[in-house]
């Protein structure tokens, strides 16, 4: 691997100087085409992770890749369809009309320290997720489990969470409502167990090299902040015979232009979604190693519904109607997104979203100056500039304020804003992964909107066992969401990324999630 000084040298402008690439380049690809001599994968992995503790991270795609490489769950994503595959759980089935789920764990699964991984580890971990002291950004996903929300709100002790180890290899989960799609959630990183023995010994320092214990396909070797995270294949992993890579190098993308130079120079094998510099996109699209998979991300405008003037739904609707989404997506974003007429993106089999209302735009004159918040990254800044221009034409003065991702998300979670551009990528293939964001209080309900009618519609859908009727009920709830406008969708997009041709098993899928246990490197690959 290159040292930091080498990376700094590479940052001096290879991409800016030439897009023609280096030695042994086939013209169809971007940059050097020298496969690594070892079975390693070098990943340009978005920003520096907030933490390596999966209960402390907020779901940035790079953090997801780290978590699912280190930790195995009840199920694992199918690399292409994302359907749940058996992992630590060999089999599962519902009881009592999907009010209870039973998972039977495979024997012989151990942590990297050799200790057995049992049903009790899942009980401990899920209780830790909803423990208010953990402050887990994704605790709301455990609200499906009985008492999950009340425990997370401090109204019940963690022991009241509806998860039970019947015996070391049997996990019983009681749901708040019948939840027929619950297995689809269990591959998500928040449902994967963390090591109670390591946390007990090292407290807040457990997720560091030398103290981290994991149960996944890879184990942590090194973490140099803002330089790299290194993992190696775990010799204790239950399915290690099917893991092809010996080592993983995750390089944080602190500067998109600098890091594309690393890819171009052959120092990266994959540059993950959302990390490509926009000025180069039109050129990168010409190359065979450019990819974009699905469009399961919605960019949207979120209003703080508890702050004037955004506590008025008619004003929120008027601001929404004044946005030309086609111009935004096609003209200004150059086709990087599709204009959104719904919050839930298309692509979920069997689900049909209602459409946004279209009508004459009310008069918006007389509004006080507005502040529009966003991340500093692209395309967020471009989106805010376009909205500023559109609203300026209607006599609204808009000030733009941008911040780096962690600061911005913290602002949204404490509701310290009036108007902001946010985005959400679905965590699982069901409309509720989007619709639950505004279903009462939770860390991702940035709007602070709490509508009894919407919650009632979501509850009716939750208890409906028939899939078609359930989807119709969810569509009715989405219609209510669009009508009341605590958020308004702008465009749907996917994550664009670069992948060298010798990387196999990095399958296209709707969520840009890639379990690295299935990935391999063809060290003999040659350009044709």
Protein backbone atom coordinates (compact mmCIF):
# COMPACT_ATOMS: atom_id res chain seq x y z
CA UNK A 1 0.00 0.00 0.00
CA UNK A 2 1.19 3.55 -0.66
CA UNK A 3 2.29 5.60 2.31
CA UNK A 4 0.68 8.92 3.17
CA UNK A 5 3.45 10.87 1.46
CA UNK A 6 2.79 8.96 -1.75
CA UNK A 7 -0.90 9.78 -1.53
CA UNK A 8 -0.08 13.45 -1.07
CA UNK A 9 2.14 13.36 -4.13
CA UNK A 10 -0.61 11.71 -6.14
CA UNK A 11 -2.90 14.52 -5.08
CA UNK A 12 -0.83 17.05 -7.05
CA UNK A 13 -2.99 16.78 -10.14
CA UNK A 14 -2.88 13.61 -12.25
CA UNK A 15 -6.56 13.81 -13.12
CA UNK A 16 -6.38 17.51 -13.86
CA UNK A 17 -3.34 17.06 -16.09
CA UNK A 18 -4.74 14.28 -18.22
CA UNK A 19 -7.61 11.86 -18.47
CA UNK A 20 -5.63 9.63 -20.78
CA UNK A 21 -4.24 7.45 -18.00
CA UNK A 22 -0.89 5.73 -17.50
CA UNK A 23 0.99 2.67 -18.73
CA UNK A 24 -0.79 -0.46 -19.98
CA UNK A 25 -4.11 1.34 -20.22
CA UNK A 26 -6.80 -0.03 -22.47
CA UNK A 27 -8.62 3.04 -23.76
CA UNK A 28 -11.99 1.75 -22.57
CA UNK A 29 -10.95 2.07 -18.92
CA UNK A 30 -9.95 4.98 -16.70
CA UNK A 31 -6.33 4.85 -15.54
CA UNK A 32 -3.71 2.15 -14.97
CA UNK A 33 -4.69 -1.46 -15.46
CA UNK A 34 -2.28 -3.37 -13.24
CA UNK A 35 -4.10 -5.91 -11.03
CA UNK A 36 -2.67 -6.26 -7.52
CA UNK A 37 -0.13 -9.04 -7.08
CA UNK A 38 -1.88 -10.23 -3.93
CA UNK A 39 -5.48 -11.13 -3.10
CA UNK A 40 -6.28 -7.69 -1.72
CA UNK A 41 -8.96 -5.08 -2.36
CA UNK A 42 -8.27 -1.35 -2.06
CA UNK A 43 -11.44 0.67 -1.60
CA UNK A 44 -11.89 4.43 -1.77
CA UNK A 45 -14.50 4.41 0.97
CA UNK A 46 -16.27 7.77 1.34
CA UNK A 47 -15.44 9.88 4.39
CA UNK A 48 -13.53 8.95 7.55
CA UNK A 49 -15.86 6.73 9.62
CA UNK A 50 -17.52 8.32 12.63
CA UNK A 51 -16.69 5.14 14.55
CA UNK A 52 -16.01 1.46 13.98
CA UNK A 53 -18.71 0.70 16.57
CA UNK A 54 -21.75 -0.14 14.38
CA UNK A 55 -24.09 1.21 17.05
CA UNK A 56 -22.52 4.67 16.78
CA UNK A 57 -22.56 5.27 13.03
CA UNK A 58 -25.20 7.00 10.95
CA UNK A 59 -25.39 4.86 7.83
CA UNK A 60 -22.96 6.50 5.38
CA UNK A 61 -22.30 3.88 2.69
CA UNK A 62 -18.61 3.61 3.62
CA UNK A 63 -19.51 2.92 7.25
CA UNK A 64 -21.93 0.20 6.13
CA UNK A 65 -19.18 -1.56 4.19
CA UNK A 66 -16.93 -1.52 7.26
CA UNK A 67 -19.65 -2.89 9.54
CA UNK A 68 -20.81 -5.73 7.31
CA UNK A 69 -17.20 -6.80 6.66
CA UNK A 70 -16.45 -7.02 10.40
CA UNK A 71 -19.74 -8.40 11.71
CA UNK A 72 -22.02 -11.22 10.61
CA UNK A 73 -25.74 -11.18 11.37
CA UNK A 74 -28.64 -13.58 11.42
CA UNK A 75 -28.80 -13.16 7.65
CA UNK A 76 -26.57 -11.77 4.91
CA UNK A 77 -27.50 -9.82 1.78
CA UNK A 78 -27.68 -11.69 -1.50
CA UNK A 79 -25.04 -9.75 -3.47
CA UNK A 80 -27.42 -8.98 -6.35
CA UNK A 81 -31.04 -9.20 -5.12
CA UNK A 82 -30.34 -8.20 -1.47
CA UNK A 83 -32.75 -10.90 -0.31
CA UNK A 84 -31.73 -12.33 3.10
CA UNK A 85 -29.48 -15.39 2.90
CA UNK A 86 -28.75 -17.69 5.85
CA UNK A 87 -25.74 -16.51 7.85
CA UNK A 88 -25.49 -17.12 11.60
CA UNK A 89 -29.13 -18.20 11.40
CA UNK A 90 -29.59 -21.41 9.42
CA UNK A 91 -33.37 -21.06 9.24
CA UNK A 92 -36.23 -18.90 10.48
CA UNK A 93 -40.01 -18.85 10.44
CA UNK A 94 -42.92 -16.75 11.76
CA UNK A 95 -45.38 -17.71 14.47
CA UNK A 96 -48.71 -16.19 15.52
CA UNK A 97 -49.28 -14.45 12.20
CA UNK A 98 -45.76 -12.91 12.11
CA UNK A 99 -46.15 -11.41 15.59
CA UNK A 100 -43.26 -13.69 16.60
CA UNK A 101 -40.18 -14.71 14.64
CA UNK A 102 -38.00 -17.71 15.49
CA UNK A 103 -34.37 -17.87 14.32
CA UNK A 104 -32.32 -21.05 14.68
CA UNK A 105 -28.57 -20.40 14.78
CA UNK A 106 -25.95 -22.65 13.27
CA UNK A 107 -23.65 -24.40 15.76
CA UNK A 108 -19.93 -23.69 15.85
CA UNK A 109 -20.01 -19.95 15.11
CA UNK A 110 -17.35 -18.15 17.16
CA UNK A 111 -16.00 -14.67 17.70
CA UNK A 112 -12.46 -13.85 16.59
CA UNK A 113 -11.27 -14.57 20.16
CA UNK A 114 -12.65 -18.11 19.86
CA UNK A 115 -15.65 -17.63 22.17
CA UNK A 116 -19.01 -18.96 20.92
CA UNK A 117 -21.40 -16.52 19.26
CA UNK A 118 -24.84 -17.39 20.63
CA UNK A 119 -28.39 -16.12 20.85
CA UNK A 120 -27.44 -14.25 24.02
CA UNK A 121 -25.08 -12.07 21.97
CA UNK A 122 -28.03 -10.91 19.87
CA UNK A 123 -30.08 -10.20 23.00
CA UNK A 124 -27.23 -8.14 24.46
CA UNK A 125 -26.59 -6.27 21.21
CA UNK A 126 -30.19 -5.38 20.44
CA UNK A 127 -30.68 -4.16 24.00
CA UNK A 128 -27.57 -2.01 23.56
CA UNK A 129 -29.01 -0.50 20.37
CA UNK A 130 -32.18 0.72 22.12
CA UNK A 131 -30.47 1.68 25.39
CA UNK A 132 -30.86 5.49 25.53
CA UNK A 133 -27.28 5.79 26.80
CA UNK A 134 -25.96 4.32 23.54
CA UNK A 135 -27.54 7.13 21.47
CA UNK A 136 -27.69 4.85 18.44
CA UNK A 137 -28.74 6.78 15.29
CA UNK A 138 -30.58 3.71 13.98
CA UNK A 139 -32.33 2.65 17.19
CA UNK A 140 -35.69 3.27 15.52
CA UNK A 141 -35.26 0.11 13.42
CA UNK A 142 -35.61 -1.87 16.66
CA UNK A 143 -39.01 -0.23 17.21
CA UNK A 144 -40.44 -3.16 15.24
CA UNK A 145 -39.51 -5.34 18.22
CA UNK A 146 -41.87 -5.31 21.20
CA UNK A 147 -41.16 -2.41 23.57
CA UNK A 148 -38.31 -1.15 21.38
CA UNK A 149 -39.51 2.44 21.26
CA UNK A 150 -40.46 2.61 24.93
CA UNK A 151 -37.07 1.24 25.96
CA UNK A 152 -35.30 3.71 23.68
CA UNK A 153 -37.32 6.58 25.17
CA UNK A 154 -36.30 5.53 28.69
CA UNK A 155 -39.80 4.43 29.67
CA UNK A 156 -38.87 0.76 30.19
CA UNK A 157 -35.65 -1.06 31.14
CA UNK A 158 -33.70 -2.76 28.35
CA UNK A 159 -34.65 -6.18 29.77
CA UNK A 160 -38.21 -5.51 28.55
CA UNK A 161 -37.17 -5.57 24.89
CA UNK A 162 -39.01 -8.40 23.15
CA UNK A 163 -36.01 -10.56 22.27
CA UNK A 164 -35.22 -13.79 24.10
CA UNK A 165 -32.53 -16.47 23.93
CA UNK A 166 -34.60 -19.64 24.29
CA UNK A 167 -31.33 -21.56 24.32
CA UNK A 168 -27.83 -20.81 22.96
CA UNK A 169 -28.94 -21.52 19.38
CA UNK A 170 -32.55 -20.27 19.38
CA UNK A 171 -33.63 -16.63 19.23
CA UNK A 172 -37.27 -15.66 19.79
CA UNK A 173 -38.39 -12.18 18.75
CA UNK A 174 -41.74 -10.67 19.65
CA UNK A 175 -42.89 -7.88 17.35
CA UNK A 176 -44.97 -4.82 18.19
CA UNK A 177 -47.22 -5.68 15.24
CA UNK A 178 -47.28 -8.50 12.69
CA UNK A 179 -44.18 -7.87 10.58
CA UNK A 180 -44.09 -10.21 7.60
CA UNK A 181 -40.99 -8.58 6.10
CA UNK A 182 -38.87 -8.65 9.27
CA UNK A 183 -36.21 -11.06 7.85
CA UNK A 184 -35.46 -8.42 5.19
CA UNK A 185 -34.24 -6.12 7.97
CA UNK A 186 -31.94 -8.59 9.70
CA UNK A 187 -29.02 -8.20 7.27
CA UNK A 188 -28.82 -4.50 8.09
CA UNK A 189 -25.74 -3.70 10.17
CA UNK A 190 -27.65 -2.54 13.24
CA UNK A 191 -29.06 -6.05 13.74
CA UNK A 192 -25.61 -7.68 13.75
CA UNK A 193 -24.19 -8.59 17.17
CA UNK A 194 -21.32 -6.80 18.87
CA UNK A 195 -18.94 -8.50 21.36
CA UNK A 196 -20.12 -8.02 24.94
CA UNK A 197 -16.83 -9.47 26.26
CA UNK A 198 -14.76 -6.85 24.43
CA UNK A 199 -17.09 -3.99 25.37
CA UNK A 200 -17.00 -5.06 29.03
CA UNK A 201 -13.20 -5.12 29.00
CA UNK A 202 -12.42 -1.99 27.01
CA UNK A 203 -15.56 0.19 27.33
CA UNK A 204 -15.50 3.01 24.74
CA UNK A 205 -12.12 1.80 23.42
CA UNK A 206 -13.40 -1.62 22.33
CA UNK A 207 -13.69 -0.74 18.61
CA UNK A 208 -9.96 -0.22 18.08
CA UNK A 209 -7.21 -2.47 16.71
CA UNK A 210 -5.98 -4.79 19.43
CA UNK A 211 -9.20 -4.63 21.42
CA UNK A 212 -11.89 -5.25 18.80
CA UNK A 213 -13.41 -8.73 18.66
CA UNK A 214 -15.61 -9.47 15.65
CA UNK A 215 -17.47 -12.40 14.10
CA UNK A 216 -17.46 -11.47 10.40
CA UNK A 217 -15.51 -12.53 7.36
CA UNK A 218 -12.74 -10.04 8.20
CA UNK A 219 -11.04 -8.79 11.35
CA UNK A 220 -9.62 -5.35 12.12
CA UNK A 221 -5.83 -5.01 11.84
CA UNK A 222 -5.16 -1.27 11.62
CA UNK A 223 -6.96 2.06 11.76
CA UNK A 224 -5.00 5.21 11.03
CA UNK A 225 -7.61 8.02 11.07
CA UNK A 226 -7.92 9.87 7.76
CA UNK A 227 -5.44 7.45 6.17
CA UNK A 228 -6.71 3.87 6.12
CA UNK A 229 -8.58 1.04 7.80
CA UNK A 230 -7.00 -2.37 7.21
CA UNK A 231 -8.70 -5.75 7.68
CA UNK A 232 -7.59 -9.31 7.04
CA UNK A 233 -9.51 -12.51 6.44
CA UNK A 234 -10.68 -13.99 9.73
CA UNK A 235 -9.37 -17.46 10.47
CA UNK A 236 -12.25 -18.08 12.89
CA UNK A 237 -15.10 -17.14 10.51
CA UNK A 238 -17.65 -19.94 10.12
CA UNK A 239 -17.74 -19.61 6.29
CA UNK A 240 -14.07 -18.75 5.76
CA UNK A 241 -13.62 -21.33 2.98
CA UNK A 242 -15.77 -19.14 0.72
CA UNK A 243 -13.95 -15.86 1.50
CA UNK A 244 -11.58 -15.10 -1.37
CA UNK A 245 -9.80 -11.91 -0.29
CA UNK A 246 -6.88 -11.97 2.14
CA UNK A 247 -6.85 -8.27 2.97
CA UNK A 248 -8.97 -5.13 2.66
CA UNK A 249 -7.72 -1.56 2.59
CA UNK A 250 -10.36 1.15 3.13
CA UNK A 251 -9.08 4.62 2.20
CA UNK A 252 -11.19 7.57 3.38
CA UNK A 253 -12.20 9.98 0.62
CA UNK A 254 -11.33 13.36 2.09
CA UNK A 255 -10.87 15.06 -1.27
CA UNK A 256 -12.71 13.63 -4.28
CA UNK A 257 -10.32 15.07 -6.88
CA UNK A 258 -7.20 13.92 -5.01
CA UNK A 259 -8.54 10.44 -4.53
CA UNK A 260 -9.59 9.90 -8.11
CA UNK A 261 -5.91 10.37 -8.87
CA UNK A 262 -5.22 7.34 -6.68
CA UNK A 263 -7.75 5.32 -8.68
CA UNK A 264 -6.33 6.57 -11.97
CA UNK A 265 -2.80 5.68 -10.86
CA UNK A 266 -3.89 2.13 -9.99
CA UNK A 267 -3.71 2.60 -6.20
CA UNK A 268 -7.44 1.85 -5.73
CA UNK A 269 -9.55 -1.00 -7.08
CA UNK A 270 -12.95 0.49 -6.23
CA UNK A 271 -14.08 4.05 -5.59
CA UNK A 272 -17.42 3.76 -3.82
CA UNK A 273 -20.67 5.43 -4.74
CA UNK A 274 -21.03 9.13 -4.14
CA UNK A 275 -17.29 9.81 -4.11
CA UNK A 276 -16.71 10.88 -7.72
CA UNK A 277 -15.84 14.52 -8.49
CA UNK A 278 -18.70 16.09 -10.44
CA UNK A 279 -16.51 18.04 -12.90
CA UNK A 280 -15.17 14.72 -14.23
CA UNK A 281 -18.46 12.80 -14.42
CA UNK A 282 -19.14 13.45 -18.09
CA UNK A 283 -15.69 12.07 -18.95
CA UNK A 284 -15.87 9.15 -16.50
CA UNK A 285 -19.18 7.98 -17.99
CA UNK A 286 -17.33 7.12 -21.20
CA UNK A 287 -15.31 4.40 -19.46
CA UNK A 288 -16.25 0.78 -18.82
CA UNK A 289 -15.27 0.92 -15.16
CA UNK A 290 -17.90 3.62 -14.46
CA UNK A 291 -21.09 2.21 -12.91
CA UNK A 292 -24.35 3.41 -11.41
CA UNK A 293 -26.66 0.85 -9.82
CA UNK A 294 -30.34 1.54 -9.23
CA UNK A 295 -31.81 4.77 -7.93
CA UNK A 296 -32.82 3.98 -4.35
CA UNK A 297 -31.82 7.37 -2.94
CA UNK A 298 -34.20 10.29 -2.61
CA UNK A 299 -32.95 13.85 -2.26
CA UNK A 300 -35.58 15.87 -0.49
CA UNK A 301 -36.32 19.16 1.18
CA UNK A 302 -37.10 18.88 4.88
CA UNK A 303 -38.96 21.58 6.78
CA UNK A 304 -38.76 22.11 10.54
CA UNK A 305 -42.49 21.84 11.21
CA UNK A 306 -42.15 23.28 14.72
CA UNK A 307 -40.49 26.50 13.54
CA UNK A 308 -42.22 29.46 11.92
CA UNK A 309 -43.03 29.98 9.11
CA UNK A 310 -42.64 26.27 8.26
CA UNK A 311 -45.30 25.19 10.76
CA UNK A 312 -47.85 26.17 8.09
CA UNK A 313 -48.52 23.21 5.73
CA UNK A 314 -49.87 25.55 3.05
CA UNK A 315 -46.59 27.43 2.97
CA UNK A 316 -44.64 24.17 2.78
CA UNK A 317 -46.84 23.05 -0.11
CA UNK A 318 -46.37 26.38 -1.88
CA UNK A 319 -42.58 26.16 -1.64
CA UNK A 320 -42.75 22.61 -2.96
CA UNK A 321 -44.93 23.61 -5.91
CA UNK A 322 -42.49 26.36 -6.85
CA UNK A 323 -39.68 23.85 -7.56
CA UNK A 324 -39.09 22.80 -11.17
CA UNK A 325 -37.84 19.27 -10.53
CA UNK A 326 -37.25 18.44 -14.17
CA UNK A 327 -35.00 21.46 -14.62
CA UNK A 328 -33.16 20.56 -11.42
CA UNK A 329 -32.51 16.94 -12.40
CA UNK A 330 -31.99 17.21 -16.15
CA UNK A 331 -30.65 20.69 -16.78
CA UNK A 332 -28.60 21.43 -13.67
CA UNK A 333 -27.65 17.94 -12.47
CA UNK A 334 -27.09 16.82 -16.07
CA UNK A 335 -29.18 13.70 -15.77
CA UNK A 336 -27.56 12.46 -12.55
CA UNK A 337 -31.04 12.10 -11.06
CA UNK A 338 -34.63 11.49 -12.06
CA UNK A 339 -37.27 14.10 -11.12
CA UNK A 340 -39.16 12.80 -8.09
CA UNK A 341 -42.93 12.65 -8.03
CA UNK A 342 -42.92 10.54 -4.85
CA UNK A 343 -40.82 10.05 -1.73
CA UNK A 344 -40.41 6.28 -2.16
CA UNK A 345 -38.27 5.65 -5.27
CA UNK A 346 -39.56 3.34 -7.99
CA UNK A 347 -38.15 -0.18 -8.04
CA UNK A 348 -39.83 -1.99 -5.14
CA UNK A 349 -41.73 -4.88 -6.77
CA UNK A 350 -45.49 -4.50 -6.34
CA UNK A 351 -45.48 -1.02 -4.79
CA UNK A 352 -46.91 1.98 -6.61
CA UNK A 353 -46.41 5.42 -5.08
CA UNK A 354 -48.95 8.23 -5.32
CA UNK A 355 -47.83 11.30 -7.27
CA UNK A 356 -47.05 14.78 -6.03
CA UNK A 357 -49.81 17.32 -6.49
CA UNK A 358 -49.46 19.64 -9.47
CA UNK A 359 -51.31 22.93 -9.41
CA UNK A 360 -50.74 26.65 -9.79
CA UNK A 361 -48.04 28.05 -7.53
CA UNK A 362 -49.46 30.38 -4.86
CA UNK A 363 -48.04 33.86 -4.39
CA UNK A 364 -44.96 33.65 -2.16
CA UNK A 365 -44.24 37.38 -1.98
CA UNK A 366 -43.77 38.77 1.50
CA UNK A 367 -41.93 35.81 2.98
CA UNK A 368 -39.06 36.73 5.30
CA UNK A 369 -35.52 35.76 4.20
CA UNK A 370 -34.90 32.00 4.49
CA UNK A 371 -31.77 30.03 5.36
CA UNK A 372 -31.28 26.79 3.44
CA UNK A 373 -28.89 24.28 5.05
CA UNK A 374 -26.99 21.49 3.29
CA UNK A 375 -23.82 19.43 3.30
CA UNK A 376 -20.76 20.92 1.61
CA UNK A 377 -20.53 17.95 -0.79
CA UNK A 378 -21.90 17.71 -4.29
CA UNK A 379 -24.53 17.53 -5.63
CA UNK A 380 -25.96 19.06 -2.45
CA UNK A 381 -24.38 22.46 -3.02
CA UNK A 382 -25.60 22.59 -6.62
CA UNK A 383 -29.11 21.65 -5.48
CA UNK A 384 -29.21 24.48 -2.94
CA UNK A 385 -27.92 27.00 -5.48
CA UNK A 386 -30.63 25.96 -7.96
CA UNK A 387 -33.35 26.21 -5.31
CA UNK A 388 -32.01 29.60 -4.26
CA UNK A 389 -32.29 30.79 -7.87
CA UNK A 390 -35.79 29.36 -8.39
CA UNK A 391 -37.11 30.99 -5.23
CA UNK A 392 -35.32 34.24 -5.98
CA UNK A 393 -37.38 34.49 -9.16
CA UNK A 394 -40.46 34.49 -6.92
CA UNK A 395 -39.16 37.24 -4.70
CA UNK A 396 -37.83 35.05 -1.88
CA UNK A 397 -34.39 35.85 -0.50
CA UNK A 398 -32.50 32.68 0.47
CA UNK A 399 -29.18 32.46 2.30
CA UNK A 400 -27.19 29.25 1.87
CA UNK A 401 -25.33 27.59 4.74
CA UNK A 402 -23.32 24.40 4.20
CA UNK A 403 -21.40 22.18 6.65
CA UNK A 404 -19.42 18.95 6.54
CA UNK A 405 -21.53 15.82 6.92
CA UNK A 406 -21.21 15.03 10.63
CA UNK A 407 -21.86 18.62 11.71
CA UNK A 408 -24.80 18.93 9.33
CA UNK A 409 -26.47 15.68 10.43
CA UNK A 410 -26.05 16.64 14.08
CA UNK A 411 -27.84 19.92 13.31
CA UNK A 412 -30.73 18.07 11.67
CA UNK A 413 -31.10 15.64 14.57
CA UNK A 414 -31.37 18.44 17.12
CA UNK A 415 -33.80 20.32 14.80
CA UNK A 416 -31.56 23.38 14.70
CA UNK A 417 -32.69 24.56 11.25
CA UNK A 418 -35.72 25.78 9.36
CA UNK A 419 -35.14 24.43 5.87
CA UNK A 420 -32.58 21.88 4.65
CA UNK A 421 -31.68 19.63 1.74
CA UNK A 422 -31.27 16.04 2.91
CA UNK A 423 -31.10 12.64 1.30
CA UNK A 424 -32.11 9.15 2.26
CA UNK A 425 -31.03 5.83 0.81
CA UNK A 426 -33.27 2.89 1.60
CA UNK A 427 -31.97 0.44 4.19
CA UNK A 428 -34.10 -2.50 2.99
CA UNK A 429 -36.42 -3.25 0.07
CA UNK A 430 -39.73 -2.09 1.49
CA UNK A 431 -41.58 1.27 1.32
CA UNK A 432 -41.37 1.61 5.10
CA UNK A 433 -37.63 2.25 4.86
CA UNK A 434 -38.67 5.69 3.56
CA UNK A 435 -42.11 6.14 5.09
CA UNK A 436 -40.98 5.41 8.67
CA UNK A 437 -38.70 8.46 8.63
CA UNK A 438 -41.66 10.71 9.44
CA UNK A 439 -43.67 8.18 11.44
CA UNK A 440 -43.42 9.92 14.81
CA UNK A 441 -40.30 10.79 16.80
CA UNK A 442 -37.05 9.12 15.71
CA UNK A 443 -33.50 10.34 14.99
CA UNK A 444 -34.16 10.57 11.23
CA UNK A 445 -37.42 12.54 11.58
CA UNK A 446 -35.63 15.81 10.99
CA UNK A 447 -38.90 17.64 10.27
CA UNK A 448 -40.19 16.98 13.83
CA UNK A 449 -43.58 16.31 12.19
CA UNK A 450 -45.95 14.05 14.13
CA UNK A 451 -49.30 13.54 12.42
CA UNK A 452 -51.93 11.28 14.10
CA UNK A 453 -53.60 10.46 10.78
CA UNK A 454 -50.32 9.43 9.18
CA UNK A 455 -49.36 7.29 12.18
CA UNK A 456 -52.79 5.60 12.08
CA UNK A 457 -52.36 4.80 8.38
CA UNK A 458 -48.91 3.37 8.99
CA UNK A 459 -50.26 1.29 11.86
CA UNK A 460 -53.05 -0.13 9.69
CA UNK A 461 -50.44 -1.14 7.13
CA UNK A 462 -48.26 -2.70 9.83
CA UNK A 463 -50.96 -5.14 10.93
CA UNK A 464 -52.07 -6.07 7.40
CA UNK A 465 -50.90 -9.57 6.46
CA UNK A 466 -51.97 -9.43 2.79
CA UNK A 467 -49.04 -7.97 0.82
CA UNK A 468 -51.12 -6.23 -1.88
CA UNK A 469 -53.49 -4.62 0.64
CA UNK A 470 -50.54 -3.61 2.80
CA UNK A 471 -48.92 -1.81 -0.13
CA UNK A 472 -52.17 0.03 -0.88
CA UNK A 473 -52.33 1.20 2.74
CA UNK A 474 -48.72 2.36 2.59
CA UNK A 475 -49.46 4.26 -0.63
CA UNK A 476 -52.34 6.02 1.16
CA UNK A 477 -49.95 6.97 3.96
CA UNK A 478 -47.44 8.29 1.42
CA UNK A 479 -50.22 10.39 -0.14
CA UNK A 480 -50.87 11.94 3.28
CA UNK A 481 -47.15 12.65 3.67
CA UNK A 482 -46.98 14.41 0.31
CA UNK A 483 -50.15 16.37 1.03
CA UNK A 484 -48.95 17.68 4.41
CA UNK A 485 -45.41 18.26 3.10
CA UNK A 486 -43.15 17.96 6.16
CA UNK A 487 -40.73 16.90 3.45
CA UNK A 488 -40.92 17.21 -0.30
CA UNK A 489 -38.99 14.96 -2.70
CA UNK A 490 -36.68 16.54 -5.27
CA UNK A 491 -35.08 13.73 -7.27
CA UNK A 492 -34.11 10.07 -7.09
CA UNK A 493 -30.56 8.99 -7.75
CA UNK A 494 -28.14 6.12 -7.46
CA UNK A 495 -24.53 6.09 -6.31
CA UNK A 496 -22.03 6.36 -9.16
CA UNK A 497 -18.76 4.54 -8.65
CA UNK A 498 -15.63 3.23 -10.36
CA UNK A 499 -14.57 -0.42 -10.27
CA UNK A 500 -11.52 -1.96 -11.87
CA UNK A 501 -12.26 -4.82 -14.30
CA UNK A 502 -10.42 -7.42 -12.20
CA UNK A 503 -12.83 -7.01 -9.27
CA UNK A 504 -15.37 -9.85 -9.33
CA UNK A 505 -18.45 -10.36 -7.17
CA UNK A 506 -19.15 -6.63 -6.68
CA UNK A 507 -22.65 -7.08 -8.04
CA UNK A 508 -25.01 -4.30 -9.15
CA UNK A 509 -27.96 -3.88 -6.80
CA UNK A 510 -30.55 -1.31 -5.85
CA UNK A 511 -28.86 -0.19 -2.61
CA UNK A 512 -25.16 -0.20 -3.58
CA UNK A 513 -24.46 -2.68 -0.76
CA UNK A 514 -21.68 -5.16 -1.43
CA UNK A 515 -20.90 -7.96 1.06
CA UNK A 516 -17.16 -8.31 0.66
CA UNK A 517 -17.14 -12.01 1.52
CA UNK A 518 -18.39 -12.59 -2.05
CA UNK A 519 -15.80 -10.34 -3.74
CA UNK A 520 -12.57 -11.55 -5.33
CA UNK A 521 -9.72 -10.17 -7.43
CA UNK A 522 -8.53 -11.75 -10.68
CA UNK A 523 -4.78 -11.24 -10.37
CA UNK A 524 -4.24 -12.61 -13.90
CA UNK A 525 -6.59 -10.15 -15.63
CA UNK A 526 -5.19 -8.55 -18.77
CA UNK A 527 -6.69 -5.81 -20.99
CA UNK A 528 -8.05 -7.10 -24.28
